[in-house]
Amino acid sequence: MTQEQPGAWRVDIREHSEWSARHPWAAGRRQEILERIAEEVVRQKAPTCSALIEERS
C-alpha cells in the first residue's frame, strides 16, 4: 500500500491469473476480497473518501 497523494492510497493486488494460481482457495472470491480490502483501507486511512477498484489493461 502506498500513498499516492494526500487522501489517495494505492493497493496493488496480483493479476487474476497469478491470484488464482497462488491462492486457489480464493480464486472465485477475488472481487469480494478486493472490495473488503478497499473498505478496510478507506476505514483506516481515508474515512472521508471512497474506494475505486480498477483492473490493469
PDB file of N, CA and C in Angstrom:
ATOM      1  N   MET A   1       0.850  -1.157   0.000  1.00  0.00           N
ATOM      2  CA  MET A   1       0.000   0.000   0.000  1.00  0.00           C
ATOM      3  C   MET A   1       0.900   1.225   0.000  1.00  0.00           C
ATOM      4  N   THR A   2       0.606   2.141  -0.894  1.00  0.00           N
ATOM      5  CA  THR A   2       1.367   3.383  -0.969  1.00  0.00           C
ATOM      6  C   THR A   2       0.402   4.556  -1.021  1.00  0.00           C
ATOM      7  N   GLN A   3       0.852   5.664  -0.474  1.00  0.00           N
ATOM      8  CA  GLN A   3       0.033   6.862  -0.536  1.00  0.00           C
ATOM      9  C   GLN A   3       0.446   7.637  -1.771  1.00  0.00           C
ATOM     10  N   GLU A   4      -0.469   7.780  -2.719  1.00  0.00           N
ATOM     11  CA  GLU A   4      -0.219   8.465  -3.981  1.00  0.00           C
ATOM     12  C   GLU A   4      -0.139   9.975  -3.772  1.00  0.00           C
ATOM     13  N   GLN A   5      -1.050  10.497  -2.993  1.00  0.00           N
ATOM     14  CA  GLN A   5      -1.138  11.914  -2.666  1.00  0.00           C
ATOM     15  C   GLN A   5      -2.015  12.003  -1.425  1.00  0.00           C
ATOM     16  N   PRO A   6      -2.095  13.167  -0.783  1.00  0.00           N
ATOM     17  CA  PRO A   6      -2.936  13.244   0.413  1.00  0.00           C
ATOM     18  C   PRO A   6      -4.353  12.758   0.124  1.00  0.00           C
ATOM     19  N   GLY A   7      -4.801  11.777   0.898  1.00  0.00           N
ATOM     20  CA  GLY A   7      -6.139  11.242   0.740  1.00  0.00           C
ATOM     21  C   GLY A   7      -6.289  10.188  -0.346  1.00  0.00           C
ATOM     22  N   ALA A   8      -5.215   9.846  -1.035  1.00  0.00           N
ATOM     23  CA  ALA A   8      -5.298   8.836  -2.103  1.00  0.00           C
ATOM     24  C   ALA A   8      -4.304   7.725  -1.819  1.00  0.00           C
ATOM     25  N   TRP A   9      -4.807   6.520  -1.654  1.00  0.00           N
ATOM     26  CA  TRP A   9      -3.980   5.352  -1.368  1.00  0.00           C
ATOM     27  C   TRP A   9      -4.077   4.366  -2.509  1.00  0.00           C
ATOM     28  N   ARG A  10      -3.003   3.668  -2.765  1.00  0.00           N
ATOM     29  CA  ARG A  10      -2.977   2.668  -3.830  1.00  0.00           C
ATOM     30  C   ARG A  10      -2.556   1.325  -3.245  1.00  0.00           C
ATOM     31  N   VAL A  11      -3.336   0.305  -3.552  1.00  0.00           N
ATOM     32  CA  VAL A  11      -3.051  -1.057  -3.116  1.00  0.00           C
ATOM     33  C   VAL A  11      -2.921  -1.899  -4.379  1.00  0.00           C
ATOM     34  N   ASP A  12      -1.762  -2.483  -4.588  1.00  0.00           N
ATOM     35  CA  ASP A  12      -1.556  -3.337  -5.761  1.00  0.00           C
ATOM     36  C   ASP A  12      -1.814  -4.788  -5.387  1.00  0.00           C
ATOM     37  N   ILE A  13      -2.680  -5.421  -6.165  1.00  0.00           N
ATOM     38  CA  ILE A  13      -3.040  -6.814  -5.967  1.00  0.00           C
ATOM     39  C   ILE A  13      -2.649  -7.579  -7.223  1.00  0.00           C
ATOM     40  N   ARG A  14      -2.224  -8.793  -7.060  1.00  0.00           N
ATOM     41  CA  ARG A  14      -1.792  -9.605  -8.201  1.00  0.00           C
ATOM     42  C   ARG A  14      -2.885  -9.749  -9.251  1.00  0.00           C
ATOM     43  N   GLU A  15      -2.446  -9.951 -10.501  1.00  0.00           N
ATOM     44  CA  GLU A  15      -3.391 -10.133 -11.600  1.00  0.00           C
ATOM     45  C   GLU A  15      -4.220 -11.394 -11.381  1.00  0.00           C
ATOM     46  N   HIS A  16      -5.333 -11.447 -12.085  1.00  0.00           N
ATOM     47  CA  HIS A  16      -6.300 -12.541 -11.920  1.00  0.00           C
ATOM     48  C   HIS A  16      -5.650 -13.920 -12.016  1.00  0.00           C
ATOM     49  N   SER A  17      -4.857 -14.152 -13.053  1.00  0.00           N
ATOM     50  CA  SER A  17      -4.256 -15.477 -13.249  1.00  0.00           C
ATOM     51  C   SER A  17      -3.273 -15.824 -12.138  1.00  0.00           C
ATOM     52  N   GLU A  18      -2.464 -14.871 -11.734  1.00  0.00           N
ATOM     53  CA  GLU A  18      -1.496 -15.126 -10.660  1.00  0.00           C
ATOM     54  C   GLU A  18      -2.214 -15.312  -9.322  1.00  0.00           C
ATOM     55  N   TRP A  19      -3.256 -14.509  -9.105  1.00  0.00           N
ATOM     56  CA  TRP A  19      -4.068 -14.646  -7.890  1.00  0.00           C
ATOM     57  C   TRP A  19      -4.616 -16.071  -7.794  1.00  0.00           C
ATOM     58  N   SER A  20      -5.207 -16.559  -8.886  1.00  0.00           N
ATOM     59  CA  SER A  20      -5.809 -17.897  -8.895  1.00  0.00           C
ATOM     60  C   SER A  20      -4.772 -18.989  -8.663  1.00  0.00           C
ATOM     61  N   ALA A  21      -3.595 -18.813  -9.241  1.00  0.00           N
ATOM     62  CA  ALA A  21      -2.536 -19.810  -9.087  1.00  0.00           C
ATOM     63  C   ALA A  21      -1.979 -19.828  -7.660  1.00  0.00           C
ATOM     64  N   ARG A  22      -1.814 -18.672  -7.068  1.00  0.00           N
ATOM     65  CA  ARG A  22      -1.204 -18.592  -5.737  1.00  0.00           C
ATOM     66  C   ARG A  22      -2.193 -18.793  -4.599  1.00  0.00           C
ATOM     67  N   HIS A  23      -3.453 -18.495  -4.865  1.00  0.00           N
ATOM     68  CA  HIS A  23      -4.488 -18.570  -3.825  1.00  0.00           C
ATOM     69  C   HIS A  23      -5.704 -19.310  -4.368  1.00  0.00           C
ATOM     70  N   PRO A  24      -5.572 -20.589  -4.696  1.00  0.00           N
ATOM     71  CA  PRO A  24      -6.691 -21.316  -5.316  1.00  0.00           C
ATOM     72  C   PRO A  24      -7.953 -21.351  -4.448  1.00  0.00           C
ATOM     73  N   TRP A  25      -7.800 -21.323  -3.148  1.00  0.00           N
ATOM     74  CA  TRP A  25      -8.954 -21.333  -2.253  1.00  0.00           C
ATOM     75  C   TRP A  25      -9.795 -20.066  -2.409  1.00  0.00           C
ATOM     76  N   ALA A  26      -9.176 -18.981  -2.924  1.00  0.00           N
ATOM     77  CA  ALA A  26      -9.868 -17.699  -3.046  1.00  0.00           C
ATOM     78  C   ALA A  26     -10.136 -17.297  -4.494  1.00  0.00           C
ATOM     79  N   ALA A  27      -9.881 -18.208  -5.418  1.00  0.00           N
ATOM     80  CA  ALA A  27      -9.996 -17.868  -6.843  1.00  0.00           C
ATOM     81  C   ALA A  27     -11.376 -17.316  -7.197  1.00  0.00           C
ATOM     82  N   GLY A  28     -12.424 -17.913  -6.696  1.00  0.00           N
ATOM     83  CA  GLY A  28     -13.771 -17.459  -7.011  1.00  0.00           C
ATOM     84  C   GLY A  28     -14.254 -16.302  -6.162  1.00  0.00           C
ATOM     85  N   ARG A  29     -13.440 -15.865  -5.220  1.00  0.00           N
ATOM     86  CA  ARG A  29     -13.850 -14.812  -4.289  1.00  0.00           C
ATOM     87  C   ARG A  29     -13.008 -13.549  -4.438  1.00  0.00           C
ATOM     88  N   ARG A  30     -12.248 -13.441  -5.509  1.00  0.00           N
ATOM     89  CA  ARG A  30     -11.307 -12.327  -5.671  1.00  0.00           C
ATOM     90  C   ARG A  30     -11.996 -10.961  -5.539  1.00  0.00           C
ATOM     91  N   GLN A  31     -13.084 -10.743  -6.277  1.00  0.00           N
ATOM     92  CA  GLN A  31     -13.762  -9.447  -6.235  1.00  0.00           C
ATOM     93  C   GLN A  31     -14.268  -9.137  -4.831  1.00  0.00           C
ATOM     94  N   GLU A  32     -14.860 -10.120  -4.192  1.00  0.00           N
ATOM     95  CA  GLU A  32     -15.354  -9.950  -2.819  1.00  0.00           C
ATOM     96  C   GLU A  32     -14.224  -9.552  -1.877  1.00  0.00           C
ATOM     97  N   ILE A  33     -13.090 -10.210  -2.003  1.00  0.00           N
ATOM     98  CA  ILE A  33     -11.936  -9.924  -1.145  1.00  0.00           C
ATOM     99  C   ILE A  33     -11.377  -8.541  -1.443  1.00  0.00           C
ATOM    100  N   LEU A  34     -11.275  -8.178  -2.722  1.00  0.00           N
ATOM    101  CA  LEU A  34     -10.780  -6.841  -3.085  1.00  0.00           C
ATOM    102  C   LEU A  34     -11.688  -5.750  -2.523  1.00  0.00           C
ATOM    103  N   GLU A  35     -12.997  -5.966  -2.595  1.00  0.00           N
ATOM    104  CA  GLU A  35     -13.930  -4.985  -2.042  1.00  0.00           C
ATOM    105  C   GLU A  35     -13.756  -4.843  -0.539  1.00  0.00           C
ATOM    106  N   ARG A  36     -13.546  -5.954   0.145  1.00  0.00           N
ATOM    107  CA  ARG A  36     -13.348  -5.916   1.602  1.00  0.00           C
ATOM    108  C   ARG A  36     -12.058  -5.190   1.957  1.00  0.00           C
ATOM    109  N   ILE A  37     -10.990  -5.457   1.198  1.00  0.00           N
ATOM    110  CA  ILE A  37      -9.720  -4.756   1.416  1.00  0.00           C
ATOM    111  C   ILE A  37      -9.917  -3.257   1.197  1.00  0.00           C
ATOM    112  N   ALA A  38     -10.605  -2.888   0.127  1.00  0.00           N
ATOM    113  CA  ALA A  38     -10.842  -1.475  -0.172  1.00  0.00           C
ATOM    114  C   ALA A  38     -11.628  -0.805   0.957  1.00  0.00           C
ATOM    115  N   GLU A  39     -12.673  -1.458   1.435  1.00  0.00           N
ATOM    116  CA  GLU A  39     -13.455  -0.906   2.541  1.00  0.00           C
ATOM    117  C   GLU A  39     -12.589  -0.667   3.772  1.00  0.00           C
ATOM    118  N   GLU A  40     -11.719  -1.616   4.065  1.00  0.00           N
ATOM    119  CA  GLU A  40     -10.880  -1.513   5.266  1.00  0.00           C
ATOM    120  C   GLU A  40      -9.825  -0.417   5.119  1.00  0.00           C
ATOM    121  N   VAL A  41      -9.246  -0.283   3.937  1.00  0.00           N
ATOM    122  CA  VAL A  41      -8.274   0.798   3.708  1.00  0.00           C
ATOM    123  C   VAL A  41      -8.953   2.154   3.874  1.00  0.00           C
ATOM    124  N   VAL A  42     -10.138   2.296   3.312  1.00  0.00           N
ATOM    125  CA  VAL A  42     -10.878   3.555   3.469  1.00  0.00           C
ATOM    126  C   VAL A  42     -11.173   3.800   4.943  1.00  0.00           C
ATOM    127  N   ARG A  43     -11.632   2.786   5.636  1.00  0.00           N
ATOM    128  CA  ARG A  43     -11.963   2.936   7.063  1.00  0.00           C
ATOM    129  C   ARG A  43     -10.752   3.378   7.882  1.00  0.00           C
ATOM    130  N   GLN A  44      -9.602   2.761   7.620  1.00  0.00           N
ATOM    131  CA  GLN A  44      -8.421   3.036   8.432  1.00  0.00           C
ATOM    132  C   GLN A  44      -7.622   4.258   7.992  1.00  0.00           C
ATOM    133  N   LYS A  45      -7.550   4.492   6.700  1.00  0.00           N
ATOM    134  CA  LYS A  45      -6.623   5.511   6.194  1.00  0.00           C
ATOM    135  C   LYS A  45      -7.286   6.767   5.633  1.00  0.00           C
ATOM    136  N   ALA A  46      -8.505   6.636   5.123  1.00  0.00           N
ATOM    137  CA  ALA A  46      -9.131   7.777   4.454  1.00  0.00           C
ATOM    138  C   ALA A  46     -10.653   7.735   4.630  1.00  0.00           C
ATOM    139  N   PRO A  47     -11.135   7.899   5.849  1.00  0.00           N
ATOM    140  CA  PRO A  47     -12.553   7.692   6.125  1.00  0.00           C
ATOM    141  C   PRO A  47     -13.506   8.647   5.407  1.00  0.00           C
ATOM    142  N   THR A  48     -13.022   9.737   4.869  1.00  0.00           N
ATOM    143  CA  THR A  48     -13.907  10.654   4.145  1.00  0.00           C
ATOM    144  C   THR A  48     -13.865  10.401   2.637  1.00  0.00           C
ATOM    145  N   CYS A  49     -13.174   9.354   2.229  1.00  0.00           N
ATOM    146  CA  CYS A  49     -13.018   9.047   0.804  1.00  0.00           C
ATOM    147  C   CYS A  49     -13.811   7.798   0.425  1.00  0.00           C
ATOM    148  N   SER A  50     -13.758   7.475  -0.851  1.00  0.00           N
ATOM    149  CA  SER A  50     -14.384   6.249  -1.332  1.00  0.00           C
ATOM    150  C   SER A  50     -13.347   5.441  -2.096  1.00  0.00           C
ATOM    151  N   ALA A  51     -13.642   4.174  -2.308  1.00  0.00           N
ATOM    152  CA  ALA A  51     -12.702   3.271  -2.983  1.00  0.00           C
ATOM    153  C   ALA A  51     -13.055   3.139  -4.457  1.00  0.00           C
ATOM    154  N   LEU A  52     -12.035   2.946  -5.261  1.00  0.00           N
ATOM    155  CA  LEU A  52     -12.185   2.666  -6.682  1.00  0.00           C
ATOM    156  C   LEU A  52     -11.298   1.467  -7.005  1.00  0.00           C
ATOM    157  N   ILE A  53     -11.899   0.400  -7.503  1.00  0.00           N
ATOM    158  CA  ILE A  53     -11.150  -0.810  -7.845  1.00  0.00           C
ATOM    159  C   ILE A  53     -11.050  -0.870  -9.362  1.00  0.00           C
ATOM    160  N   GLU A  54      -9.825  -0.880  -9.869  1.00  0.00           N
ATOM    161  CA  GLU A  54      -9.605  -0.913 -11.311  1.00  0.00           C
ATOM    162  C   GLU A  54      -8.707  -2.077 -11.665  1.00  0.00           C
ATOM    163  N   GLU A  55      -8.999  -2.726 -12.770  1.00  0.00           N
ATOM    164  CA  GLU A  55      -8.141  -3.777 -13.313  1.00  0.00           C
ATOM    165  C   GLU A  55      -7.170  -3.124 -14.288  1.00  0.00           C
ATOM    166  N   ARG A  56      -5.950  -3.583 -14.285  1.00  0.00           N
ATOM    167  CA  ARG A  56      -4.987  -3.091 -15.280  1.00  0.00           C
ATOM    168  C   ARG A  56      -5.347  -3.643 -16.638  1.00  0.00           C
ATOM    169  N   SER A  57      -5.106  -2.866 -17.662  1.00  0.00           N
ATOM    170  CA  SER A  57      -5.403  -3.362 -19.011  1.00  0.00           C
ATOM    171  C   SER A  57      -4.150  -3.754 -19.735  1.00  0.00           C
TER     172      SER A  57
END
